[in-house]
Amino acid sequence: MTTNADRAPRVGASDRSARGAKARLEGASPSGAVSPSASPGDAPPGDAYKDTALKSRQTAPPARPSVRFGSIVKKIAAAPAVTTAASALITAYIRLVHATCRWRLIGWENFENAEASEKGYILVFWHDRLLMAPTRRPDSKRPVYMLISSHRDGEIIANAVKPFGISFIRGSKANARKKFKEKSGAPALMQMVAALKEGAIVGVTPDGPRGPRREAQAGVAKLSAMAGAPILPAAYATSRGRSLSTWDRFWVPWPFSRGVFSVGPAIDPPDARDAFKDAQAMAGYAATIGEALQTVTDAAEDAVNRSPPST
């Protein structure tokens, strides 16, 4: 006769067998631990999908903001109200410095000789000595033009010195890194040639708008040759001021300083036939312009450091 005690072991064994089969399906040992022999392919598809999704969320890079701070600053700086305010501040500062400094003129007979001629002429000064040049506008009754960059900074400068009675020709020299980008250099050159042939004054910074600093480029030589216009080198200096951390070390004079305007002898134009045919001749002429311009700049610097000017 079979008792209940004899049947119990067989029931327990069956339960253990069922648990072992379930464990093998789930990739675990009968005791509930992960089996060393289980492979990723043994895991159920749903669990594998969850693991993959979790890992992708953990390794995904953080999303970048759609609007960057730099672009916001540029948009603010380009706003018409901001550029207008900047131009007004520059105009006011130029007037303040000119009114409070004591100015002396050196080589002014060179300017008077150029004015006595009916020919238009090119007034050149280094880019770092641009700020106070417009204050000499009343010295001539001729139309005066200045070449400025078509960039936003050029627009600010144009509006800043417009109250002094100066007109502008917009242009920019070519950029070798952006040779396929259209530039307004050629139209600007023709406008300057036309103005000079009509007897106007055209102001040019031969090392601008990008430099190298105090190195005259061949463009001013070509302009002189095409227009048949002489070049008049000029500069200013003050006893006190500060050089900015810009490519040209732009000079900002302080009010209540001693100041000097210096003008050198006119440089005759080169042969017009060399303007497009002889690049070496144009480069040599540009070097001559640079040397003359540096000479008048050094003379102005020496004058403010050497002797006090008269009013």
C-alpha atoms as a PDB file:
ATOM      1  CA  MET A   1       0.000   0.000   0.000  1.00  0.00           C
ATOM      2  CA  THR A   2       1.355   3.345  -1.017  1.00  0.00           C
ATOM      3  CA  THR A   3       1.313   6.143   1.563  1.00  0.00           C
ATOM      4  CA  ASN A   4       1.255   9.935   1.168  1.00  0.00           C
ATOM      5  CA  ALA A   5       4.817   9.998   2.407  1.00  0.00           C
ATOM      6  CA  ASP A   6       5.927   7.863  -0.513  1.00  0.00           C
ATOM      7  CA  ARG A   7       4.336  10.208  -3.079  1.00  0.00           C
ATOM      8  CA  ALA A   8       5.818  13.478  -1.695  1.00  0.00           C
ATOM      9  CA  PRO A   9       9.353  13.153  -3.136  1.00  0.00           C
ATOM     10  CA  ARG A  10       8.067  12.566  -6.621  1.00  0.00           C
ATOM     11  CA  VAL A  11       5.924  15.731  -6.473  1.00  0.00           C
ATOM     12  CA  GLY A  12       8.902  17.808  -5.207  1.00  0.00           C
ATOM     13  CA  ALA A  13      11.147  16.503  -7.954  1.00  0.00           C
ATOM     14  CA  SER A  14       8.595  17.453 -10.559  1.00  0.00           C
ATOM     15  CA  ASP A  15       8.421  20.986  -9.183  1.00  0.00           C
ATOM     16  CA  ARG A  16      12.183  21.327  -9.267  1.00  0.00           C
ATOM     17  CA  SER A  17      12.268  20.130 -12.866  1.00  0.00           C
ATOM     18  CA  ALA A  18       9.686  22.709 -13.860  1.00  0.00           C
ATOM     19  CA  ARG A  19      11.591  25.487 -12.115  1.00  0.00           C
ATOM     20  CA  GLY A  20      14.823  24.448 -13.856  1.00  0.00           C
ATOM     21  CA  ALA A  21      13.183  24.586 -17.296  1.00  0.00           C
ATOM     22  CA  LYS A  22      11.794  28.045 -16.579  1.00  0.00           C
ATOM     23  CA  ALA A  23      15.176  29.208 -15.390  1.00  0.00           C
ATOM     24  CA  ARG A  24      16.859  28.007 -18.578  1.00  0.00           C
ATOM     25  CA  LEU A  25      14.333  29.964 -20.649  1.00  0.00           C
ATOM     26  CA  GLU A  26      15.000  33.131 -18.661  1.00  0.00           C
ATOM     27  CA  GLY A  27      18.786  32.710 -18.736  1.00  0.00           C
ATOM     28  CA  ALA A  28      18.993  32.100 -14.995  1.00  0.00           C
ATOM     29  CA  SER A  29      20.045  29.145 -12.835  1.00  0.00           C
ATOM     30  CA  PRO A  30      17.473  27.220 -10.867  1.00  0.00           C
ATOM     31  CA  SER A  31      18.587  29.074  -7.773  1.00  0.00           C
ATOM     32  CA  GLY A  32      17.654  32.451  -9.384  1.00  0.00           C
ATOM     33  CA  ALA A  33      21.229  33.591 -10.260  1.00  0.00           C
ATOM     34  CA  VAL A  34      22.311  34.459 -13.786  1.00  0.00           C
ATOM     35  CA  SER A  35      23.787  31.440 -15.488  1.00  0.00           C
ATOM     36  CA  PRO A  36      27.359  31.898 -16.685  1.00  0.00           C
ATOM     37  CA  SER A  37      26.551  29.948 -19.812  1.00  0.00           C
ATOM     38  CA  ALA A  38      23.602  32.193 -20.751  1.00  0.00           C
ATOM     39  CA  SER A  39      24.179  34.307 -23.869  1.00  0.00           C
ATOM     40  CA  PRO A  40      22.566  37.634 -24.886  1.00  0.00           C
ATOM     41  CA  GLY A  41      20.549  35.753 -27.463  1.00  0.00           C
ATOM     42  CA  ASP A  42      18.825  33.806 -24.658  1.00  0.00           C
ATOM     43  CA  ALA A  43      17.188  36.987 -23.286  1.00  0.00           C
ATOM     44  CA  PRO A  44      13.607  37.647 -24.298  1.00  0.00           C
ATOM     45  CA  PRO A  45      13.226  40.179 -27.173  1.00  0.00           C
ATOM     46  CA  GLY A  46      11.332  42.664 -24.994  1.00  0.00           C
ATOM     47  CA  ASP A  47      14.100  42.846 -22.383  1.00  0.00           C
ATOM     48  CA  ALA A  48      16.810  43.213 -25.053  1.00  0.00           C
ATOM     49  CA  TYR A  49      14.922  46.176 -26.615  1.00  0.00           C
ATOM     50  CA  LYS A  50      14.623  47.865 -23.222  1.00  0.00           C
ATOM     51  CA  ASP A  51      18.357  47.430 -22.542  1.00  0.00           C
ATOM     52  CA  THR A  52      19.310  48.860 -25.955  1.00  0.00           C
ATOM     53  CA  ALA A  53      17.010  51.875 -25.548  1.00  0.00           C
ATOM     54  CA  LEU A  54      18.393  52.567 -22.065  1.00  0.00           C
ATOM     55  CA  LYS A  55      21.999  52.451 -23.292  1.00  0.00           C
ATOM     56  CA  SER A  56      21.239  54.786 -26.208  1.00  0.00           C
ATOM     57  CA  ARG A  57      19.698  57.327 -23.857  1.00  0.00           C
ATOM     58  CA  GLN A  58      22.721  57.135 -21.556  1.00  0.00           C
ATOM     59  CA  THR A  59      25.297  57.598 -24.336  1.00  0.00           C
ATOM     60  CA  ALA A  60      23.442  60.190 -26.490  1.00  0.00           C
ATOM     61  CA  PRO A  61      25.097  63.688 -26.439  1.00  0.00           C
ATOM     62  CA  PRO A  62      23.126  66.492 -24.822  1.00  0.00           C
ATOM     63  CA  ALA A  63      21.023  68.541 -27.217  1.00  0.00           C
ATOM     64  CA  ARG A  64      22.562  71.893 -28.213  1.00  0.00           C
ATOM     65  CA  PRO A  65      20.553  75.064 -27.812  1.00  0.00           C
ATOM     66  CA  SER A  66      19.029  76.258 -31.059  1.00  0.00           C
ATOM     67  CA  VAL A  67      20.165  79.890 -30.487  1.00  0.00           C
ATOM     68  CA  ARG A  68      23.731  80.693 -29.426  1.00  0.00           C
ATOM     69  CA  PHE A  69      24.766  83.627 -27.271  1.00  0.00           C
ATOM     70  CA  GLY A  70      27.280  84.904 -29.853  1.00  0.00           C
ATOM     71  CA  SER A  71      24.643  85.194 -32.548  1.00  0.00           C
ATOM     72  CA  ILE A  72      22.402  87.158 -30.194  1.00  0.00           C
ATOM     73  CA  VAL A  73      25.225  89.623 -29.452  1.00  0.00           C
ATOM     74  CA  LYS A  74      25.907  90.077 -33.178  1.00  0.00           C
ATOM     75  CA  LYS A  75      22.264  90.768 -33.879  1.00  0.00           C
ATOM     76  CA  ILE A  76      22.136  93.354 -31.109  1.00  0.00           C
ATOM     77  CA  ALA A  77      25.334  95.030 -32.336  1.00  0.00           C
ATOM     78  CA  ALA A  78      23.940  95.199 -35.872  1.00  0.00           C
ATOM     79  CA  ALA A  79      20.681  96.811 -34.789  1.00  0.00           C
ATOM     80  CA  PRO A  80      20.218 100.283 -36.348  1.00  0.00           C
ATOM     81  CA  ALA A  81      19.657 101.909 -32.963  1.00  0.00           C
ATOM     82  CA  VAL A  82      22.943 100.501 -31.625  1.00  0.00           C
ATOM     83  CA  THR A  83      25.035 101.527 -34.644  1.00  0.00           C
ATOM     84  CA  THR A  84      23.472 105.002 -34.634  1.00  0.00           C
ATOM     85  CA  ALA A  85      24.284 105.443 -30.960  1.00  0.00           C
ATOM     86  CA  ALA A  86      27.861 104.247 -31.508  1.00  0.00           C
ATOM     87  CA  SER A  87      28.352 106.722 -34.366  1.00  0.00           C
ATOM     88  CA  ALA A  88      26.969 109.584 -32.269  1.00  0.00           C
ATOM     89  CA  LEU A  89      29.347 108.769 -29.415  1.00  0.00           C
ATOM     90  CA  ILE A  90      32.341 108.711 -31.760  1.00  0.00           C
ATOM     91  CA  THR A  91      31.333 112.055 -33.275  1.00  0.00           C
ATOM     92  CA  ALA A  92      31.000 113.617 -29.841  1.00  0.00           C
ATOM     93  CA  TYR A  93      34.365 112.253 -28.742  1.00  0.00           C
ATOM     94  CA  ILE A  94      36.149 113.566 -31.857  1.00  0.00           C
ATOM     95  CA  ARG A  95      34.705 117.033 -31.223  1.00  0.00           C
ATOM     96  CA  LEU A  96      35.700 116.873 -27.559  1.00  0.00           C
ATOM     97  CA  VAL A  97      39.310 115.926 -28.310  1.00  0.00           C
ATOM     98  CA  HIS A  98      39.641 118.511 -31.065  1.00  0.00           C
ATOM     99  CA  ALA A  99      38.216 121.291 -28.897  1.00  0.00           C
ATOM    100  CA  THR A 100      40.254 120.551 -25.769  1.00  0.00           C
ATOM    101  CA  CYS A 101      43.657 119.752 -27.294  1.00  0.00           C
ATOM    102  CA  ARG A 102      46.227 122.369 -28.360  1.00  0.00           C
ATOM    103  CA  TRP A 103      47.118 121.723 -31.996  1.00  0.00           C
ATOM    104  CA  ARG A 104      50.207 122.551 -33.991  1.00  0.00           C
ATOM    105  CA  LEU A 105      50.691 122.239 -37.768  1.00  0.00           C
ATOM    106  CA  ILE A 106      53.903 120.870 -39.316  1.00  0.00           C
ATOM    107  CA  GLY A 107      54.639 121.011 -43.041  1.00  0.00           C
ATOM    108  CA  TRP A 108      51.409 122.864 -43.711  1.00  0.00           C
ATOM    109  CA  GLU A 109      52.950 124.527 -46.757  1.00  0.00           C
ATOM    110  CA  ASN A 110      52.734 121.121 -48.461  1.00  0.00           C
ATOM    111  CA  PHE A 111      48.988 121.132 -47.954  1.00  0.00           C
ATOM    112  CA  GLU A 112      48.706 124.701 -49.238  1.00  0.00           C
ATOM    113  CA  ASN A 113      50.682 123.808 -52.372  1.00  0.00           C
ATOM    114  CA  ALA A 114      48.347 120.891 -53.092  1.00  0.00           C
ATOM    115  CA  GLU A 115      45.342 123.145 -52.607  1.00  0.00           C
ATOM    116  CA  ALA A 116      46.761 125.731 -54.992  1.00  0.00           C
ATOM    117  CA  SER A 117      46.765 123.186 -57.813  1.00  0.00           C
ATOM    118  CA  GLU A 118      43.604 122.406 -59.731  1.00  0.00           C
ATOM    119  CA  LYS A 119      44.353 118.705 -59.662  1.00  0.00           C
ATOM    120  CA  GLY A 120      42.617 116.401 -57.274  1.00  0.00           C
ATOM    121  CA  TYR A 121      44.913 114.619 -54.846  1.00  0.00           C
ATOM    122  CA  ILE A 122      44.942 111.578 -52.585  1.00  0.00           C
ATOM    123  CA  LEU A 123      45.324 112.246 -48.869  1.00  0.00           C
ATOM    124  CA  VAL A 124      46.829 109.188 -47.182  1.00  0.00           C
ATOM    125  CA  PHE A 125      47.224 108.387 -43.483  1.00  0.00           C
ATOM    126  CA  TRP A 126      47.740 105.159 -41.578  1.00  0.00           C
ATOM    127  CA  HIS A 127      44.644 103.306 -40.420  1.00  0.00           C
ATOM    128  CA  ASP A 128      45.578 103.737 -36.751  1.00  0.00           C
ATOM    129  CA  ARG A 129      45.594 107.545 -37.236  1.00  0.00           C
ATOM    130  CA  LEU A 130      42.131 107.770 -38.762  1.00  0.00           C
ATOM    131  CA  LEU A 131      40.154 109.228 -35.864  1.00  0.00           C
ATOM    132  CA  MET A 132      41.111 112.922 -35.969  1.00  0.00           C
ATOM    133  CA  ALA A 133      41.570 113.301 -39.739  1.00  0.00           C
ATOM    134  CA  PRO A 134      37.997 114.597 -40.340  1.00  0.00           C
ATOM    135  CA  THR A 135      38.634 117.631 -38.127  1.00  0.00           C
ATOM    136  CA  ARG A 136      40.796 119.191 -40.887  1.00  0.00           C
ATOM    137  CA  ARG A 137      37.850 119.205 -43.304  1.00  0.00           C
ATOM    138  CA  PRO A 138      37.251 123.003 -43.031  1.00  0.00           C
ATOM    139  CA  ASP A 139      40.776 123.644 -44.381  1.00  0.00           C
ATOM    140  CA  SER A 140      39.625 122.889 -47.939  1.00  0.00           C
ATOM    141  CA  LYS A 141      36.656 124.000 -50.019  1.00  0.00           C
ATOM    142  CA  ARG A 142      36.960 121.016 -52.347  1.00  0.00           C
ATOM    143  CA  PRO A 143      34.690 117.984 -52.164  1.00  0.00           C
ATOM    144  CA  VAL A 144      36.239 115.404 -49.849  1.00  0.00           C
ATOM    145  CA  TYR A 145      35.652 111.672 -50.095  1.00  0.00           C
ATOM    146  CA  MET A 146      36.886 108.827 -47.945  1.00  0.00           C
ATOM    147  CA  LEU A 147      37.130 105.174 -48.843  1.00  0.00           C
ATOM    148  CA  ILE A 148      35.533 103.001 -46.178  1.00  0.00           C
ATOM    149  CA  SER A 149      34.857  99.303 -45.813  1.00  0.00           C
ATOM    150  CA  SER A 150      31.405  98.001 -46.739  1.00  0.00           C
ATOM    151  CA  HIS A 151      31.400  96.100 -43.429  1.00  0.00           C
ATOM    152  CA  ARG A 152      29.214  97.171 -40.496  1.00  0.00           C
ATOM    153  CA  ASP A 153      32.216  98.803 -38.799  1.00  0.00           C
ATOM    154  CA  GLY A 154      32.737 100.944 -41.880  1.00  0.00           C
ATOM    155  CA  GLU A 155      29.135 102.090 -41.706  1.00  0.00           C
ATOM    156  CA  ILE A 156      29.596 103.179 -38.083  1.00  0.00           C
ATOM    157  CA  ILE A 157      32.691 105.197 -39.020  1.00  0.00           C
ATOM    158  CA  ALA A 158      30.927 106.747 -42.014  1.00  0.00           C
ATOM    159  CA  ASN A 159      28.037 107.965 -39.886  1.00  0.00           C
ATOM    160  CA  ALA A 160      30.441 109.201 -37.215  1.00  0.00           C
ATOM    161  CA  VAL A 161      32.392 111.543 -39.515  1.00  0.00           C
ATOM    162  CA  LYS A 162      29.539 112.504 -41.826  1.00  0.00           C
ATOM    163  CA  PRO A 163      28.729 115.585 -39.671  1.00  0.00           C
ATOM    164  CA  PHE A 164      32.163 116.965 -40.570  1.00  0.00           C
ATOM    165  CA  GLY A 165      31.127 117.301 -44.233  1.00  0.00           C
ATOM    166  CA  ILE A 166      32.816 114.213 -45.679  1.00  0.00           C
ATOM    167  CA  SER A 167      31.273 111.989 -48.337  1.00  0.00           C
ATOM    168  CA  PHE A 168      32.057 108.297 -48.680  1.00  0.00           C
ATOM    169  CA  ILE A 169      32.897 105.707 -51.266  1.00  0.00           C
ATOM    170  CA  ARG A 170      32.221 102.199 -50.027  1.00  0.00           C
ATOM    171  CA  GLY A 171      34.468  99.339 -50.931  1.00  0.00           C
ATOM    172  CA  SER A 172      36.701  96.622 -49.537  1.00  0.00           C
ATOM    173  CA  LYS A 173      39.857  94.987 -50.767  1.00  0.00           C
ATOM    174  CA  ALA A 174      39.645  91.398 -51.910  1.00  0.00           C
ATOM    175  CA  ASN A 175      39.985  88.586 -49.401  1.00  0.00           C
ATOM    176  CA  ALA A 176      42.031  85.660 -50.665  1.00  0.00           C
ATOM    177  CA  ARG A 177      40.126  83.250 -48.417  1.00  0.00           C
ATOM    178  CA  LYS A 178      36.825  84.356 -49.973  1.00  0.00           C
ATOM    179  CA  LYS A 179      37.840  84.690 -53.604  1.00  0.00           C
ATOM    180  CA  PHE A 180      34.413  83.686 -54.878  1.00  0.00           C
ATOM    181  CA  LYS A 181      32.595  86.277 -52.786  1.00  0.00           C
ATOM    182  CA  GLU A 182      31.676  89.391 -54.739  1.00  0.00           C
ATOM    183  CA  LYS A 183      33.408  92.550 -53.591  1.00  0.00           C
ATOM    184  CA  SER A 184      32.743  96.178 -54.377  1.00  0.00           C
ATOM    185  CA  GLY A 185      36.431  97.056 -54.902  1.00  0.00           C
ATOM    186  CA  ALA A 186      36.276  97.656 -58.681  1.00  0.00           C
ATOM    187  CA  PRO A 187      33.276 100.041 -58.600  1.00  0.00           C
ATOM    188  CA  ALA A 188      34.861 101.892 -55.677  1.00  0.00           C
ATOM    189  CA  LEU A 189      38.100 102.323 -57.629  1.00  0.00           C
ATOM    190  CA  MET A 190      36.271 103.833 -60.589  1.00  0.00           C
ATOM    191  CA  GLN A 191      34.333 106.196 -58.313  1.00  0.00           C
ATOM    192  CA  MET A 192      37.570 107.442 -56.750  1.00  0.00           C
ATOM    193  CA  VAL A 193      39.196 107.936 -60.151  1.00  0.00           C
ATOM    194  CA  ALA A 194      36.202 109.985 -61.323  1.00  0.00           C
ATOM    195  CA  ALA A 195      36.234 112.128 -58.158  1.00  0.00           C
ATOM    196  CA  LEU A 196      39.962 112.821 -58.451  1.00  0.00           C
ATOM    197  CA  LYS A 197      39.697 113.816 -62.108  1.00  0.00           C
ATOM    198  CA  GLU A 198      37.049 116.351 -61.077  1.00  0.00           C
ATOM    199  CA  GLY A 199      39.473 117.943 -58.606  1.00  0.00           C
ATOM    200  CA  ALA A 200      38.250 116.370 -55.359  1.00  0.00           C
ATOM    201  CA  ILE A 201      40.247 115.085 -52.391  1.00  0.00           C
ATOM    202  CA  VAL A 202      40.085 111.353 -51.703  1.00  0.00           C
ATOM    203  CA  GLY A 203      41.214 110.098 -48.300  1.00  0.00           C
ATOM    204  CA  VAL A 204      42.681 106.596 -48.183  1.00  0.00           C
ATOM    205  CA  THR A 205      44.275 104.430 -45.501  1.00  0.00           C
ATOM    206  CA  PRO A 206      46.764 102.424 -47.594  1.00  0.00           C
ATOM    207  CA  ASP A 207      47.148  99.694 -44.969  1.00  0.00           C
ATOM    208  CA  GLY A 208      43.400  99.190 -44.416  1.00  0.00           C
ATOM    209  CA  PRO A 209      40.997  97.695 -43.864  1.00  0.00           C
ATOM    210  CA  ARG A 210      42.784  94.500 -42.722  1.00  0.00           C
ATOM    211  CA  GLY A 211      46.493  95.270 -42.765  1.00  0.00           C
ATOM    212  CA  PRO A 212      49.311  94.418 -42.459  1.00  0.00           C
ATOM    213  CA  ARG A 213      49.767  97.353 -40.139  1.00  0.00           C
ATOM    214  CA  ARG A 214      51.580 100.351 -41.634  1.00  0.00           C
ATOM    215  CA  GLU A 215      52.326  98.573 -44.897  1.00  0.00           C
ATOM    216  CA  ALA A 216      51.058 100.423 -47.968  1.00  0.00           C
ATOM    217  CA  GLN A 217      49.284  98.204 -50.486  1.00  0.00           C
ATOM    218  CA  ALA A 218      49.529  98.485 -54.254  1.00  0.00           C
ATOM    219  CA  GLY A 219      45.902  99.620 -54.550  1.00  0.00           C
ATOM    220  CA  VAL A 220      46.721 103.213 -53.638  1.00  0.00           C
ATOM    221  CA  ALA A 221      49.529 103.212 -56.209  1.00  0.00           C
ATOM    222  CA  LYS A 222      47.143 101.971 -58.902  1.00  0.00           C
ATOM    223  CA  LEU A 223      44.607 104.654 -57.958  1.00  0.00           C
ATOM    224  CA  SER A 224      47.242 107.383 -58.277  1.00  0.00           C
ATOM    225  CA  ALA A 225      48.370 106.072 -61.659  1.00  0.00           C
ATOM    226  CA  MET A 226      44.873 105.726 -63.106  1.00  0.00           C
ATOM    227  CA  ALA A 227      43.727 109.169 -61.958  1.00  0.00           C
ATOM    228  CA  GLY A 228      47.024 110.960 -62.534  1.00  0.00           C
ATOM    229  CA  ALA A 229      46.655 112.321 -58.981  1.00  0.00           C
ATOM    230  CA  PRO A 230      49.534 113.090 -56.588  1.00  0.00           C
ATOM    231  CA  ILE A 231      49.618 111.617 -53.102  1.00  0.00           C
ATOM    232  CA  LEU A 232      49.823 113.778 -49.987  1.00  0.00           C
ATOM    233  CA  PRO A 233      51.006 111.905 -46.851  1.00  0.00           C
ATOM    234  CA  ALA A 234      49.587 113.163 -43.535  1.00  0.00           C
ATOM    235  CA  ALA A 235      49.422 112.135 -39.893  1.00  0.00           C
ATOM    236  CA  TYR A 236      48.475 113.323 -36.443  1.00  0.00           C
ATOM    237  CA  ALA A 237      49.813 112.584 -32.985  1.00  0.00           C
ATOM    238  CA  THR A 238      48.935 113.552 -29.426  1.00  0.00           C
ATOM    239  CA  SER A 239      50.966 113.652 -26.269  1.00  0.00           C
ATOM    240  CA  ARG A 240      48.495 111.395 -24.418  1.00  0.00           C
ATOM    241  CA  GLY A 241      46.292 108.544 -25.558  1.00  0.00           C
ATOM    242  CA  ARG A 242      46.026 104.794 -25.789  1.00  0.00           C
ATOM    243  CA  SER A 243      46.606 102.121 -28.430  1.00  0.00           C
ATOM    244  CA  LEU A 244      43.766  99.631 -28.687  1.00  0.00           C
ATOM    245  CA  SER A 245      44.285  95.867 -28.948  1.00  0.00           C
ATOM    246  CA  THR A 246      43.349  95.804 -32.635  1.00  0.00           C
ATOM    247  CA  TRP A 247      45.320  94.694 -35.695  1.00  0.00           C
ATOM    248  CA  ASP A 248      46.359  98.319 -36.357  1.00  0.00           C
ATOM    249  CA  ARG A 249      46.818  99.308 -32.674  1.00  0.00           C
ATOM    250  CA  PHE A 250      44.296 102.078 -33.268  1.00  0.00           C
ATOM    251  CA  TRP A 251      45.300 105.283 -31.479  1.00  0.00           C
ATOM    252  CA  VAL A 252      42.683 106.947 -29.259  1.00  0.00           C
ATOM    253  CA  PRO A 253      43.862 110.407 -28.128  1.00  0.00           C
ATOM    254  CA  TRP A 254      42.942 111.755 -24.715  1.00  0.00           C
ATOM    255  CA  PRO A 255      41.285 115.157 -24.323  1.00  0.00           C
ATOM    256  CA  PHE A 256      43.383 118.066 -23.027  1.00  0.00           C
ATOM    257  CA  SER A 257      46.533 116.802 -24.738  1.00  0.00           C
ATOM    258  CA  ARG A 258      49.075 118.433 -27.018  1.00  0.00           C
ATOM    259  CA  GLY A 259      48.442 117.538 -30.662  1.00  0.00           C
ATOM    260  CA  VAL A 260      50.236 117.831 -33.995  1.00  0.00           C
ATOM    261  CA  PHE A 261      49.079 117.514 -37.601  1.00  0.00           C
ATOM    262  CA  SER A 262      51.944 116.760 -39.982  1.00  0.00           C
ATOM    263  CA  VAL A 263      51.904 116.884 -43.807  1.00  0.00           C
ATOM    264  CA  GLY A 264      54.691 115.735 -46.120  1.00  0.00           C
ATOM    265  CA  PRO A 265      55.604 116.778 -49.670  1.00  0.00           C
ATOM    266  CA  ALA A 266      53.336 115.515 -52.437  1.00  0.00           C
ATOM    267  CA  ILE A 267      54.389 112.372 -54.316  1.00  0.00           C
ATOM    268  CA  ASP A 268      53.927 112.561 -58.078  1.00  0.00           C
ATOM    269  CA  PRO A 269      51.809 109.832 -59.678  1.00  0.00           C
ATOM    270  CA  PRO A 270      53.457 106.979 -61.599  1.00  0.00           C
ATOM    271  CA  ASP A 271      52.952 106.313 -65.291  1.00  0.00           C
ATOM    272  CA  ALA A 272      49.345 105.306 -65.949  1.00  0.00           C
ATOM    273  CA  ARG A 273      50.536 102.583 -68.347  1.00  0.00           C
ATOM    274  CA  ASP A 274      52.106 100.740 -65.410  1.00  0.00           C
ATOM    275  CA  ALA A 275      48.850 100.528 -63.445  1.00  0.00           C
ATOM    276  CA  PHE A 276      47.836  97.151 -64.905  1.00  0.00           C
ATOM    277  CA  LYS A 277      50.991  96.019 -66.686  1.00  0.00           C
ATOM    278  CA  ASP A 278      53.844  96.348 -64.208  1.00  0.00           C
ATOM    279  CA  ALA A 279      53.015  94.891 -60.799  1.00  0.00           C
ATOM    280  CA  GLN A 280      56.617  95.308 -59.647  1.00  0.00           C
ATOM    281  CA  ALA A 281      56.553  99.026 -60.420  1.00  0.00           C
ATOM    282  CA  MET A 282      53.286  99.420 -58.490  1.00  0.00           C
ATOM    283  CA  ALA A 283      54.739  97.564 -55.499  1.00  0.00           C
ATOM    284  CA  GLY A 284      57.811  99.813 -55.537  1.00  0.00           C
ATOM    285  CA  TYR A 285      55.636 102.924 -55.722  1.00  0.00           C
ATOM    286  CA  ALA A 286      53.544 101.643 -52.807  1.00  0.00           C
ATOM    287  CA  ALA A 287      56.725 101.156 -50.780  1.00  0.00           C
ATOM    288  CA  THR A 288      57.681 104.776 -51.512  1.00  0.00           C
ATOM    289  CA  ILE A 289      54.275 105.918 -50.257  1.00  0.00           C
ATOM    290  CA  GLY A 290      54.695 103.862 -47.095  1.00  0.00           C
ATOM    291  CA  GLU A 291      58.123 105.348 -46.385  1.00  0.00           C
ATOM    292  CA  ALA A 292      56.865 108.909 -46.863  1.00  0.00           C
ATOM    293  CA  LEU A 293      53.836 108.267 -44.678  1.00  0.00           C
ATOM    294  CA  GLN A 294      55.949 106.802 -41.914  1.00  0.00           C
ATOM    295  CA  THR A 295      58.248 109.822 -42.074  1.00  0.00           C
ATOM    296  CA  VAL A 296      55.423 112.308 -41.443  1.00  0.00           C
ATOM    297  CA  THR A 297      53.986 110.066 -38.706  1.00  0.00           C
ATOM    298  CA  ASP A 298      57.360 109.951 -36.943  1.00  0.00           C
ATOM    299  CA  ALA A 299      57.664 113.736 -37.291  1.00  0.00           C
ATOM    300  CA  ALA A 300      54.304 114.229 -35.588  1.00  0.00           C
ATOM    301  CA  GLU A 301      55.229 111.812 -32.796  1.00  0.00           C
ATOM    302  CA  ASP A 302      58.566 113.528 -32.222  1.00  0.00           C
ATOM    303  CA  ALA A 303      56.914 116.965 -32.141  1.00  0.00           C
ATOM    304  CA  VAL A 304      54.453 116.154 -29.358  1.00  0.00           C
ATOM    305  CA  ASN A 305      57.182 114.593 -27.251  1.00  0.00           C
ATOM    306  CA  ARG A 306      59.806 117.237 -27.920  1.00  0.00           C
ATOM    307  CA  SER A 307      58.264 120.692 -27.574  1.00  0.00           C
ATOM    308  CA  PRO A 308      54.921 122.138 -26.438  1.00  0.00           C
ATOM    309  CA  PRO A 309      52.862 123.437 -29.375  1.00  0.00           C
ATOM    310  CA  SER A 310      51.291 126.850 -29.645  1.00  0.00           C
ATOM    311  CA  THR A 311      47.521 127.181 -29.869  1.00  0.00           C
END
